[in-house]
All heavy atoms as atom14 arrays in JSON, in Angstrom:
{
  "sequence": "IGIQSHQHQGYWGKEKLEEVLERFSHFGLPIHFTENTLIIRIRPVILR",
  "atom14_mask": [
    [1, 1, 1, 1, 1, 1, 1, 1, 0, 0, 0, 0, 0, 0],
    [1, 1, 1, 1, 0, 0, 0, 0, 0, 0, 0, 0, 0, 0],
    [1, 1, 1, 1, 1, 1, 1, 1, 0, 0, 0, 0, 0, 0],
    [1, 1, 1, 1, 1, 1, 1, 1, 1, 0, 0, 0, 0, 0],
    [1, 1, 1, 1, 1, 1, 0, 0, 0, 0, 0, 0, 0, 0],
    [1, 1, 1, 1, 1, 1, 1, 1, 1, 1, 0, 0, 0, 0],
    [1, 1, 1, 1, 1, 1, 1, 1, 1, 0, 0, 0, 0, 0],
    [1, 1, 1, 1, 1, 1, 1, 1, 1, 1, 0, 0, 0, 0],
    [1, 1, 1, 1, 1, 1, 1, 1, 1, 0, 0, 0, 0, 0],
    [1, 1, 1, 1, 0, 0, 0, 0, 0, 0, 0, 0, 0, 0],
    [1, 1, 1, 1, 1, 1, 1, 1, 1, 1, 1, 1, 0, 0],
    [1, 1, 1, 1, 1, 1, 1, 1, 1, 1, 1, 1, 1, 1],
    [1, 1, 1, 1, 0, 0, 0, 0, 0, 0, 0, 0, 0, 0],
    [1, 1, 1, 1, 1, 1, 1, 1, 1, 0, 0, 0, 0, 0],
    [1, 1, 1, 1, 1, 1, 1, 1, 1, 0, 0, 0, 0, 0],
    [1, 1, 1, 1, 1, 1, 1, 1, 1, 0, 0, 0, 0, 0],
    [1, 1, 1, 1, 1, 1, 1, 1, 0, 0, 0, 0, 0, 0],
    [1, 1, 1, 1, 1, 1, 1, 1, 1, 0, 0, 0, 0, 0],
    [1, 1, 1, 1, 1, 1, 1, 1, 1, 0, 0, 0, 0, 0],
    [1, 1, 1, 1, 1, 1, 1, 0, 0, 0, 0, 0, 0, 0],
    [1, 1, 1, 1, 1, 1, 1, 1, 0, 0, 0, 0, 0, 0],
    [1, 1, 1, 1, 1, 1, 1, 1, 1, 0, 0, 0, 0, 0],
    [1, 1, 1, 1, 1, 1, 1, 1, 1, 1, 1, 0, 0, 0],
    [1, 1, 1, 1, 1, 1, 1, 1, 1, 1, 1, 0, 0, 0],
    [1, 1, 1, 1, 1, 1, 0, 0, 0, 0, 0, 0, 0, 0],
    [1, 1, 1, 1, 1, 1, 1, 1, 1, 1, 0, 0, 0, 0],
    [1, 1, 1, 1, 1, 1, 1, 1, 1, 1, 1, 0, 0, 0],
    [1, 1, 1, 1, 0, 0, 0, 0, 0, 0, 0, 0, 0, 0],
    [1, 1, 1, 1, 1, 1, 1, 1, 0, 0, 0, 0, 0, 0],
    [1, 1, 1, 1, 1, 1, 1, 0, 0, 0, 0, 0, 0, 0],
    [1, 1, 1, 1, 1, 1, 1, 1, 0, 0, 0, 0, 0, 0],
    [1, 1, 1, 1, 1, 1, 1, 1, 1, 1, 0, 0, 0, 0],
    [1, 1, 1, 1, 1, 1, 1, 1, 1, 1, 1, 0, 0, 0],
    [1, 1, 1, 1, 1, 1, 1, 0, 0, 0, 0, 0, 0, 0],
    [1, 1, 1, 1, 1, 1, 1, 1, 1, 0, 0, 0, 0, 0],
    [1, 1, 1, 1, 1, 1, 1, 1, 0, 0, 0, 0, 0, 0],
    [1, 1, 1, 1, 1, 1, 1, 0, 0, 0, 0, 0, 0, 0],
    [1, 1, 1, 1, 1, 1, 1, 1, 0, 0, 0, 0, 0, 0],
    [1, 1, 1, 1, 1, 1, 1, 1, 0, 0, 0, 0, 0, 0],
    [1, 1, 1, 1, 1, 1, 1, 1, 0, 0, 0, 0, 0, 0],
    [1, 1, 1, 1, 1, 1, 1, 1, 1, 1, 1, 0, 0, 0],
    [1, 1, 1, 1, 1, 1, 1, 1, 0, 0, 0, 0, 0, 0],
    [1, 1, 1, 1, 1, 1, 1, 1, 1, 1, 1, 0, 0, 0],
    [1, 1, 1, 1, 1, 1, 1, 0, 0, 0, 0, 0, 0, 0],
    [1, 1, 1, 1, 1, 1, 1, 0, 0, 0, 0, 0, 0, 0],
    [1, 1, 1, 1, 1, 1, 1, 1, 0, 0, 0, 0, 0, 0],
    [1, 1, 1, 1, 1, 1, 1, 1, 0, 0, 0, 0, 0, 0],
    [1, 1, 1, 1, 1, 1, 1, 1, 1, 1, 1, 0, 0, 0]
  ],
  "atom14_positions": [
    [[83.4, 8.47, -187.11], [83.01, 9.77, -187.64], [84.28, 10.58, -187.88], [85.12, 10.72, -186.99], [82.1, 10.51, -186.65], [80.8, 9.74, -186.47], [81.84, 11.95, -187.1], [79.94, 10.24, -185.33], [0.0, 0.0, 0.0], [0.0, 0.0, 0.0], [0.0, 0.0, 0.0], [0.0, 0.0, 0.0], [0.0, 0.0, 0.0], [0.0, 0.0, 0.0]],
    [[84.41, 11.1, -189.09], [85.55, 11.94, -189.44], [85.18, 13.41, -189.35], [84.12, 13.82, -189.81], [0.0, 0.0, 0.0], [0.0, 0.0, 0.0], [0.0, 0.0, 0.0], [0.0, 0.0, 0.0], [0.0, 0.0, 0.0], [0.0, 0.0, 0.0], [0.0, 0.0, 0.0], [0.0, 0.0, 0.0], [0.0, 0.0, 0.0], [0.0, 0.0, 0.0]],
    [[86.06, 14.17, -188.72], [85.88, 15.62, -188.59], [87.11, 16.29, -189.19], [88.24, 16.01, -188.8], [85.78, 16.06, -187.11], [84.66, 15.32, -186.38], [85.66, 17.57, -186.99], [83.28, 15.82, -186.63], [0.0, 0.0, 0.0], [0.0, 0.0, 0.0], [0.0, 0.0, 0.0], [0.0, 0.0, 0.0], [0.0, 0.0, 0.0], [0.0, 0.0, 0.0]],
    [[86.86, 17.15, -190.16], [87.95, 17.96, -190.71], [87.92, 19.3, -189.99], [86.93, 20.0, -190.05], [87.74, 18.17, -192.21], [87.71, 16.9, -193.01], [87.35, 17.14, -194.45], [87.57, 18.22, -194.99], [86.77, 16.14, -195.09], [0.0, 0.0, 0.0], [0.0, 0.0, 0.0], [0.0, 0.0, 0.0], [0.0, 0.0, 0.0], [0.0, 0.0, 0.0]],
    [[88.98, 19.6, -189.31], [88.99, 20.85, -188.54], [89.86, 21.91, -189.21], [90.81, 22.4, -188.64], [89.46, 20.59, -187.1], [90.77, 20.07, -187.09], [0.0, 0.0, 0.0], [0.0, 0.0, 0.0], [0.0, 0.0, 0.0], [0.0, 0.0, 0.0], [0.0, 0.0, 0.0], [0.0, 0.0, 0.0], [0.0, 0.0, 0.0], [0.0, 0.0, 0.0]],
    [[89.5, 22.21, -190.45], [90.19, 23.3, -191.13], [89.76, 24.6, -190.46], [88.59, 24.91, -190.39], [89.82, 23.32, -192.61], [90.21, 22.07, -193.32], [91.54, 21.73, -193.53], [89.49, 21.07, -193.85], [91.6, 20.58, -194.17], [90.37, 20.15, -194.36], [0.0, 0.0, 0.0], [0.0, 0.0, 0.0], [0.0, 0.0, 0.0], [0.0, 0.0, 0.0]],
    [[90.72, 25.33, -189.95], [90.41, 26.5, -189.14], [90.74, 27.8, -189.87], [91.27, 28.74, -189.29], [91.14, 26.38, -187.8], [90.7, 25.14, -187.05], [91.46, 24.9, -185.78], [91.78, 25.84, -185.05], [91.75, 23.65, -185.5], [0.0, 0.0, 0.0], [0.0, 0.0, 0.0], [0.0, 0.0, 0.0], [0.0, 0.0, 0.0], [0.0, 0.0, 0.0]],
    [[90.38, 27.83, -191.16], [90.63, 29.02, -191.98], [89.82, 30.22, -191.49], [90.2, 31.35, -191.69], [90.29, 28.76, -193.45], [91.07, 27.65, -194.06], [92.41, 27.76, -194.33], [90.72, 26.4, -194.42], [92.84, 26.63, -194.85], [91.84, 25.79, -194.92], [0.0, 0.0, 0.0], [0.0, 0.0, 0.0], [0.0, 0.0, 0.0], [0.0, 0.0, 0.0]],
    [[88.68, 29.94, -190.88], [87.81, 31.02, -190.43], [88.03, 31.36, -188.97], [87.23, 32.05, -188.36], [86.35, 30.64, -190.68], [86.06, 30.49, -192.15], [84.7, 29.87, -192.4], [84.11, 29.26, -191.52], [84.21, 30.03, -193.6], [0.0, 0.0, 0.0], [0.0, 0.0, 0.0], [0.0, 0.0, 0.0], [0.0, 0.0, 0.0], [0.0, 0.0, 0.0]],
    [[89.12, 30.87, -188.42], [89.46, 31.19, -187.04], [89.81, 29.97, -186.23], [89.31, 28.87, -186.46], [0.0, 0.0, 0.0], [0.0, 0.0, 0.0], [0.0, 0.0, 0.0], [0.0, 0.0, 0.0], [0.0, 0.0, 0.0], [0.0, 0.0, 0.0], [0.0, 0.0, 0.0], [0.0, 0.0, 0.0], [0.0, 0.0, 0.0], [0.0, 0.0, 0.0]],
    [[90.68, 30.18, -185.29], [91.16, 29.13, -184.39], [90.01, 28.61, -183.55], [89.24, 29.39, -182.99], [92.27, 29.7, -183.51], [92.8, 28.75, -182.48], [93.47, 27.59, -182.86], [92.65, 29.02, -181.13], [93.96, 26.72, -181.91], [93.15, 28.15, -180.17], [93.79, 27.0, -180.57], [94.27, 26.14, -179.63], [0.0, 0.0, 0.0], [0.0, 0.0, 0.0]],
    [[89.86, 27.3, -183.45], [88.76, 26.71, -182.68], [88.93, 26.92, -181.19], [88.0, 27.25, -180.49], [88.67, 25.22, -182.96], [87.98, 24.87, -184.22], [87.73, 25.69, -185.29], [87.44, 23.6, -184.56], [87.08, 25.01, -186.27], [86.89, 23.71, -185.85], [87.39, 22.39, -183.91], [86.28, 22.65, -186.49], [86.78, 21.33, -184.55], [86.23, 21.46, -185.82]],
    [[90.09, 26.67, -180.68], [90.31, 26.75, -179.24], [89.73, 25.54, -178.54], [89.01, 24.72, -179.11], [0.0, 0.0, 0.0], [0.0, 0.0, 0.0], [0.0, 0.0, 0.0], [0.0, 0.0, 0.0], [0.0, 0.0, 0.0], [0.0, 0.0, 0.0], [0.0, 0.0, 0.0], [0.0, 0.0, 0.0], [0.0, 0.0, 0.0], [0.0, 0.0, 0.0]],
    [[90.04, 25.41, -177.27], [89.63, 24.27, -176.47], [88.11, 24.16, -176.37], [87.54, 23.07, -176.45], [90.25, 24.38, -175.08], [89.93, 23.24, -174.17], [90.55, 23.42, -172.8], [90.1, 22.29, -171.89], [90.4, 22.54, -170.5], [0.0, 0.0, 0.0], [0.0, 0.0, 0.0], [0.0, 0.0, 0.0], [0.0, 0.0, 0.0], [0.0, 0.0, 0.0]],
    [[87.42, 25.28, -176.2], [85.97, 25.26, -176.03], [85.26, 24.7, -177.26], [84.37, 23.87, -177.15], [85.43, 26.66, -175.7], [85.87, 27.2, -174.36], [87.3, 27.75, -174.38], [87.83, 28.07, -175.46], [87.9, 27.81, -173.28], [0.0, 0.0, 0.0], [0.0, 0.0, 0.0], [0.0, 0.0, 0.0], [0.0, 0.0, 0.0], [0.0, 0.0, 0.0]],
    [[85.64, 25.16, -178.45], [85.02, 24.7, -179.69], [85.33, 23.21, -179.9], [84.45, 22.44, -180.27], [85.53, 25.53, -180.87], [85.23, 24.98, -182.25], [83.84, 25.26, -182.72], [83.7, 24.78, -184.16], [82.44, 25.04, -184.74], [0.0, 0.0, 0.0], [0.0, 0.0, 0.0], [0.0, 0.0, 0.0], [0.0, 0.0, 0.0], [0.0, 0.0, 0.0]],
    [[86.56, 22.81, -179.65], [86.95, 21.42, -179.8], [86.1, 20.53, -178.88], [85.56, 19.5, -179.31], [88.43, 21.24, -179.48], [89.0, 19.84, -179.62], [88.92, 19.36, -181.05], [90.42, 19.81, -179.12], [0.0, 0.0, 0.0], [0.0, 0.0, 0.0], [0.0, 0.0, 0.0], [0.0, 0.0, 0.0], [0.0, 0.0, 0.0], [0.0, 0.0, 0.0]],
    [[85.95, 20.92, -177.62], [85.14, 20.15, -176.68], [83.67, 20.13, -177.08], [82.99, 19.11, -176.92], [85.31, 20.71, -175.26], [86.67, 20.4, -174.68], [86.92, 21.05, -173.33], [86.15, 21.96, -172.93], [87.9, 20.66, -172.67], [0.0, 0.0, 0.0], [0.0, 0.0, 0.0], [0.0, 0.0, 0.0], [0.0, 0.0, 0.0], [0.0, 0.0, 0.0]],
    [[83.18, 21.24, -177.6], [81.78, 21.32, -178.04], [81.53, 20.36, -179.21], [80.53, 19.65, -179.23], [81.45, 22.76, -178.44], [80.01, 23.01, -178.87], [79.83, 22.98, -180.37], [80.77, 23.36, -181.11], [78.75, 22.57, -180.82], [0.0, 0.0, 0.0], [0.0, 0.0, 0.0], [0.0, 0.0, 0.0], [0.0, 0.0, 0.0], [0.0, 0.0, 0.0]],
    [[82.45, 20.31, -180.16], [82.32, 19.4, -181.3], [82.37, 17.95, -180.83], [81.55, 17.12, -181.23], [83.41, 19.69, -182.37], [83.5, 18.58, -183.4], [83.15, 21.03, -183.05], [0.0, 0.0, 0.0], [0.0, 0.0, 0.0], [0.0, 0.0, 0.0], [0.0, 0.0, 0.0], [0.0, 0.0, 0.0], [0.0, 0.0, 0.0], [0.0, 0.0, 0.0]],
    [[83.32, 17.64, -179.95], [83.42, 16.27, -179.42], [82.16, 15.87, -178.68], [81.66, 14.76, -178.83], [84.64, 16.15, -178.5], [86.0, 16.14, -179.2], [87.12, 16.27, -178.18], [86.17, 14.89, -180.03], [0.0, 0.0, 0.0], [0.0, 0.0, 0.0], [0.0, 0.0, 0.0], [0.0, 0.0, 0.0], [0.0, 0.0, 0.0], [0.0, 0.0, 0.0]],
    [[81.63, 16.78, -177.88], [80.4, 16.5, -177.13], [79.22, 16.23, -178.06], [78.47, 15.28, -177.87], [80.09, 17.69, -176.2], [78.82, 17.52, -175.4], [78.92, 16.45, -174.33], [80.03, 16.18, -173.84], [77.87, 15.86, -174.0], [0.0, 0.0, 0.0], [0.0, 0.0, 0.0], [0.0, 0.0, 0.0], [0.0, 0.0, 0.0], [0.0, 0.0, 0.0]],
    [[79.06, 17.07, -179.07], [77.92, 16.91, -179.98], [77.96, 15.62, -180.77], [76.94, 15.0, -181.02], [77.83, 18.1, -180.95], [77.2, 19.31, -180.32], [76.78, 20.38, -181.3], [77.86, 20.87, -182.12], [77.94, 20.69, -183.43], [77.02, 20.03, -184.08], [78.95, 21.18, -184.11], [0.0, 0.0, 0.0], [0.0, 0.0, 0.0], [0.0, 0.0, 0.0]],
    [[79.16, 15.19, -181.19], [79.25, 14.01, -182.04], [79.46, 12.72, -181.24], [79.32, 11.63, -181.79], [80.33, 14.2, -183.1], [79.93, 15.2, -184.15], [80.27, 16.53, -184.01], [79.16, 14.83, -185.24], [79.88, 17.47, -184.96], [78.76, 15.75, -186.18], [79.12, 17.08, -186.04], [0.0, 0.0, 0.0], [0.0, 0.0, 0.0], [0.0, 0.0, 0.0]],
    [[79.75, 12.82, -179.96], [79.99, 11.63, -179.16], [78.71, 10.82, -178.9], [78.78, 9.62, -178.65], [80.66, 11.99, -177.84], [79.78, 12.73, -177.03], [0.0, 0.0, 0.0], [0.0, 0.0, 0.0], [0.0, 0.0, 0.0], [0.0, 0.0, 0.0], [0.0, 0.0, 0.0], [0.0, 0.0, 0.0], [0.0, 0.0, 0.0], [0.0, 0.0, 0.0]],
    [[77.56, 11.46, -179.0], [76.31, 10.73, -178.7], [76.01, 9.62, -179.7], [75.18, 8.76, -179.45], [75.13, 11.71, -178.58], [74.58, 12.18, -179.88], [75.09, 13.26, -180.55], [73.56, 11.71, -180.63], [74.4, 13.43, -181.67], [73.47, 12.52, -181.74], [0.0, 0.0, 0.0], [0.0, 0.0, 0.0], [0.0, 0.0, 0.0], [0.0, 0.0, 0.0]],
    [[76.72, 9.61, -180.83], [76.53, 8.53, -181.8], [77.2, 7.23, -181.35], [76.93, 6.16, -181.89], [77.04, 8.94, -183.19], [76.22, 10.02, -183.82], [76.72, 11.3, -183.95], [74.94, 9.76, -184.3], [75.97, 12.31, -184.54], [74.17, 10.75, -184.89], [74.69, 12.03, -185.0], [0.0, 0.0, 0.0], [0.0, 0.0, 0.0], [0.0, 0.0, 0.0]],
    [[78.1, 7.33, -180.38], [78.76, 6.14, -179.86], [79.82, 5.55, -180.77], [80.19, 4.39, -180.64], [0.0, 0.0, 0.0], [0.0, 0.0, 0.0], [0.0, 0.0, 0.0], [0.0, 0.0, 0.0], [0.0, 0.0, 0.0], [0.0, 0.0, 0.0], [0.0, 0.0, 0.0], [0.0, 0.0, 0.0], [0.0, 0.0, 0.0], [0.0, 0.0, 0.0]],
    [[80.31, 6.35, -181.71], [81.35, 5.91, -182.63], [82.65, 6.65, -182.33], [82.62, 7.78, -181.83], [80.94, 6.21, -184.08], [79.73, 5.43, -184.62], [79.27, 6.02, -185.95], [80.09, 3.96, -184.78], [0.0, 0.0, 0.0], [0.0, 0.0, 0.0], [0.0, 0.0, 0.0], [0.0, 0.0, 0.0], [0.0, 0.0, 0.0], [0.0, 0.0, 0.0]],
    [[83.79, 6.04, -182.66], [85.05, 6.78, -182.53], [85.0, 8.04, -183.39], [84.37, 8.05, -184.45], [86.11, 5.8, -183.05], [85.47, 4.45, -182.97], [83.99, 4.68, -183.16], [0.0, 0.0, 0.0], [0.0, 0.0, 0.0], [0.0, 0.0, 0.0], [0.0, 0.0, 0.0], [0.0, 0.0, 0.0], [0.0, 0.0, 0.0], [0.0, 0.0, 0.0]],
    [[85.66, 9.08, -182.94], [85.75, 10.34, -183.69], [87.2, 10.53, -184.1], [88.1, 10.5, -183.27], [85.26, 11.54, -182.84], [83.79, 11.34, -182.47], [85.47, 12.85, -183.59], [83.26, 12.34, -181.47], [0.0, 0.0, 0.0], [0.0, 0.0, 0.0], [0.0, 0.0, 0.0], [0.0, 0.0, 0.0], [0.0, 0.0, 0.0], [0.0, 0.0, 0.0]],
    [[87.4, 10.72, -185.4], [88.74, 10.93, -185.94], [88.83, 12.35, -186.49], [87.99, 12.74, -187.29], [89.03, 9.95, -187.09], [89.1, 8.53, -186.67], [90.07, 7.7, -187.14], [88.32, 7.77, -185.85], [89.89, 6.48, -186.63], [88.83, 6.51, -185.85], [0.0, 0.0, 0.0], [0.0, 0.0, 0.0], [0.0, 0.0, 0.0], [0.0, 0.0, 0.0]],
    [[89.83, 13.08, -186.05], [90.11, 14.37, -186.68], [91.03, 14.06, -187.85], [92.22, 13.82, -187.68], [90.74, 15.35, -185.67], [89.72, 15.9, -184.72], [89.43, 15.25, -183.53], [89.0, 17.04, -185.05], [88.46, 15.74, -182.67], [88.03, 17.54, -184.19], [87.76, 16.88, -183.01], [0.0, 0.0, 0.0], [0.0, 0.0, 0.0], [0.0, 0.0, 0.0]],
    [[90.44, 14.03, -189.04], [91.13, 13.51, -190.22], [91.99, 14.55, -190.92], [92.96, 14.2, -191.57], [90.11, 12.97, -191.22], [89.19, 14.02, -191.56], [89.35, 11.79, -190.63], [0.0, 0.0, 0.0], [0.0, 0.0, 0.0], [0.0, 0.0, 0.0], [0.0, 0.0, 0.0], [0.0, 0.0, 0.0], [0.0, 0.0, 0.0], [0.0, 0.0, 0.0]],
    [[91.6, 15.78, -190.83], [92.35, 16.86, -191.48], [92.33, 18.06, -190.55], [91.29, 18.43, -190.02], [91.72, 17.24, -192.83], [91.66, 16.09, -193.8], [90.94, 16.46, -195.08], [91.06, 17.62, -195.53], [90.26, 15.59, -195.64], [0.0, 0.0, 0.0], [0.0, 0.0, 0.0], [0.0, 0.0, 0.0], [0.0, 0.0, 0.0], [0.0, 0.0, 0.0]],
    [[93.49, 18.65, -190.38], [93.6, 19.82, -189.51], [94.42, 20.89, -190.21], [95.47, 20.59, -190.76], [94.29, 19.44, -188.19], [93.51, 18.4, -187.43], [92.46, 18.7, -186.89], [94.01, 17.18, -187.42], [0.0, 0.0, 0.0], [0.0, 0.0, 0.0], [0.0, 0.0, 0.0], [0.0, 0.0, 0.0], [0.0, 0.0, 0.0], [0.0, 0.0, 0.0]],
    [[93.93, 22.08, -190.17], [94.66, 23.21, -190.73], [94.63, 24.35, -189.71], [93.56, 24.74, -189.26], [93.99, 23.72, -192.04], [93.87, 22.63, -192.94], [94.81, 24.82, -192.67], [0.0, 0.0, 0.0], [0.0, 0.0, 0.0], [0.0, 0.0, 0.0], [0.0, 0.0, 0.0], [0.0, 0.0, 0.0], [0.0, 0.0, 0.0], [0.0, 0.0, 0.0]],
    [[95.78, 24.8, -189.35], [95.88, 25.97, -188.48], [96.53, 27.09, -189.27], [97.56, 26.89, -189.9], [96.74, 25.67, -187.24], [96.19, 24.61, -186.3], [97.21, 24.3, -185.22], [94.88, 25.06, -185.68], [0.0, 0.0, 0.0], [0.0, 0.0, 0.0], [0.0, 0.0, 0.0], [0.0, 0.0, 0.0], [0.0, 0.0, 0.0], [0.0, 0.0, 0.0]],
    [[95.93, 28.23, -189.25], [96.47, 29.39, -189.94], [97.17, 30.26, -188.9], [96.59, 30.62, -187.88], [95.36, 30.2, -190.63], [94.57, 29.32, -191.6], [95.93, 31.43, -191.31], [95.4, 28.76, -192.74], [0.0, 0.0, 0.0], [0.0, 0.0, 0.0], [0.0, 0.0, 0.0], [0.0, 0.0, 0.0], [0.0, 0.0, 0.0], [0.0, 0.0, 0.0]],
    [[98.4, 30.56, -189.17], [99.17, 31.41, -188.26], [99.44, 32.73, -188.97], [99.98, 32.75, -190.08], [100.49, 30.74, -187.87], [100.2, 29.42, -187.16], [101.33, 31.66, -187.0], [101.43, 28.59, -186.9], [0.0, 0.0, 0.0], [0.0, 0.0, 0.0], [0.0, 0.0, 0.0], [0.0, 0.0, 0.0], [0.0, 0.0, 0.0], [0.0, 0.0, 0.0]],
    [[99.03, 33.79, -188.35], [99.3, 35.11, -188.92], [100.46, 35.73, -188.16], [100.43, 35.86, -186.95], [98.06, 35.98, -188.81], [96.97, 35.53, -189.75], [95.81, 36.5, -189.74], [94.84, 36.16, -190.76], [93.91, 35.22, -190.64], [93.84, 34.53, -189.53], [93.07, 34.99, -191.61], [0.0, 0.0, 0.0], [0.0, 0.0, 0.0], [0.0, 0.0, 0.0]],
    [[101.47, 36.09, -188.9], [102.65, 36.7, -188.3], [102.71, 38.15, -188.76], [102.58, 38.44, -189.95], [103.93, 35.95, -188.73], [103.83, 34.49, -188.26], [105.16, 36.62, -188.16], [104.96, 33.62, -188.76], [0.0, 0.0, 0.0], [0.0, 0.0, 0.0], [0.0, 0.0, 0.0], [0.0, 0.0, 0.0], [0.0, 0.0, 0.0], [0.0, 0.0, 0.0]],
    [[102.91, 39.02, -187.81], [103.04, 40.45, -188.17], [104.28, 40.65, -189.02], [105.34, 40.1, -188.73], [103.15, 41.29, -186.91], [101.88, 41.42, -186.16], [102.04, 42.44, -185.07], [101.28, 41.96, -183.93], [101.59, 42.17, -182.69], [102.64, 42.87, -182.36], [100.83, 41.7, -181.73], [0.0, 0.0, 0.0], [0.0, 0.0, 0.0], [0.0, 0.0, 0.0]],
    [[104.15, 41.45, -190.04], [105.35, 41.72, -190.84], [106.4, 42.45, -190.0], [106.08, 43.3, -189.17], [104.85, 42.62, -191.97], [103.44, 42.97, -191.66], [102.98, 42.15, -190.5], [0.0, 0.0, 0.0], [0.0, 0.0, 0.0], [0.0, 0.0, 0.0], [0.0, 0.0, 0.0], [0.0, 0.0, 0.0], [0.0, 0.0, 0.0], [0.0, 0.0, 0.0]],
    [[107.61, 42.1, -190.21], [108.73, 42.72, -189.49], [109.51, 43.56, -190.49], [109.86, 43.1, -191.57], [109.65, 41.64, -188.88], [110.84, 42.28, -188.2], [108.86, 40.78, -187.91], [0.0, 0.0, 0.0], [0.0, 0.0, 0.0], [0.0, 0.0, 0.0], [0.0, 0.0, 0.0], [0.0, 0.0, 0.0], [0.0, 0.0, 0.0], [0.0, 0.0, 0.0]],
    [[109.74, 44.79, -190.13], [110.53, 45.67, -190.99], [111.98, 45.58, -190.52], [112.3, 45.87, -189.37], [110.05, 47.13, -190.92], [108.58, 47.18, -191.42], [110.96, 48.05, -191.73], [107.93, 48.53, -191.22], [0.0, 0.0, 0.0], [0.0, 0.0, 0.0], [0.0, 0.0, 0.0], [0.0, 0.0, 0.0], [0.0, 0.0, 0.0], [0.0, 0.0, 0.0]],
    [[112.81, 45.14, -191.43], [114.24, 45.02, -191.09], [114.95, 46.3, -191.51], [114.8, 46.76, -192.63], [114.85, 43.82, -191.81], [114.27, 42.46, -191.44], [114.9, 41.37, -192.31], [114.5, 42.15, -189.97], [0.0, 0.0, 0.0], [0.0, 0.0, 0.0], [0.0, 0.0, 0.0], [0.0, 0.0, 0.0], [0.0, 0.0, 0.0], [0.0, 0.0, 0.0]],
    [[115.68, 46.85, -190.62], [116.44, 48.08, -190.93], [117.91, 47.74, -190.92], [118.4, 47.1, -189.98], [116.13, 49.16, -189.91], [114.69, 49.57, -189.98], [114.4, 50.75, -189.11], [112.99, 51.11, -189.27], [112.25, 51.59, -188.33], [112.75, 51.8, -187.15], [110.99, 51.88, -188.55], [0.0, 0.0, 0.0], [0.0, 0.0, 0.0], [0.0, 0.0, 0.0]]
  ]
}
């Protein structure tokens, strides 16, 4: 089973990751995280 964990709508965190693994593990197949996207927001810095 392939899971794309594009996190454009927010960081999953450990709890969400474990919840997804738990829900899909009952199929008894390996789970592959095939695509991962993490969005990092950096506060703008004003250079003086």
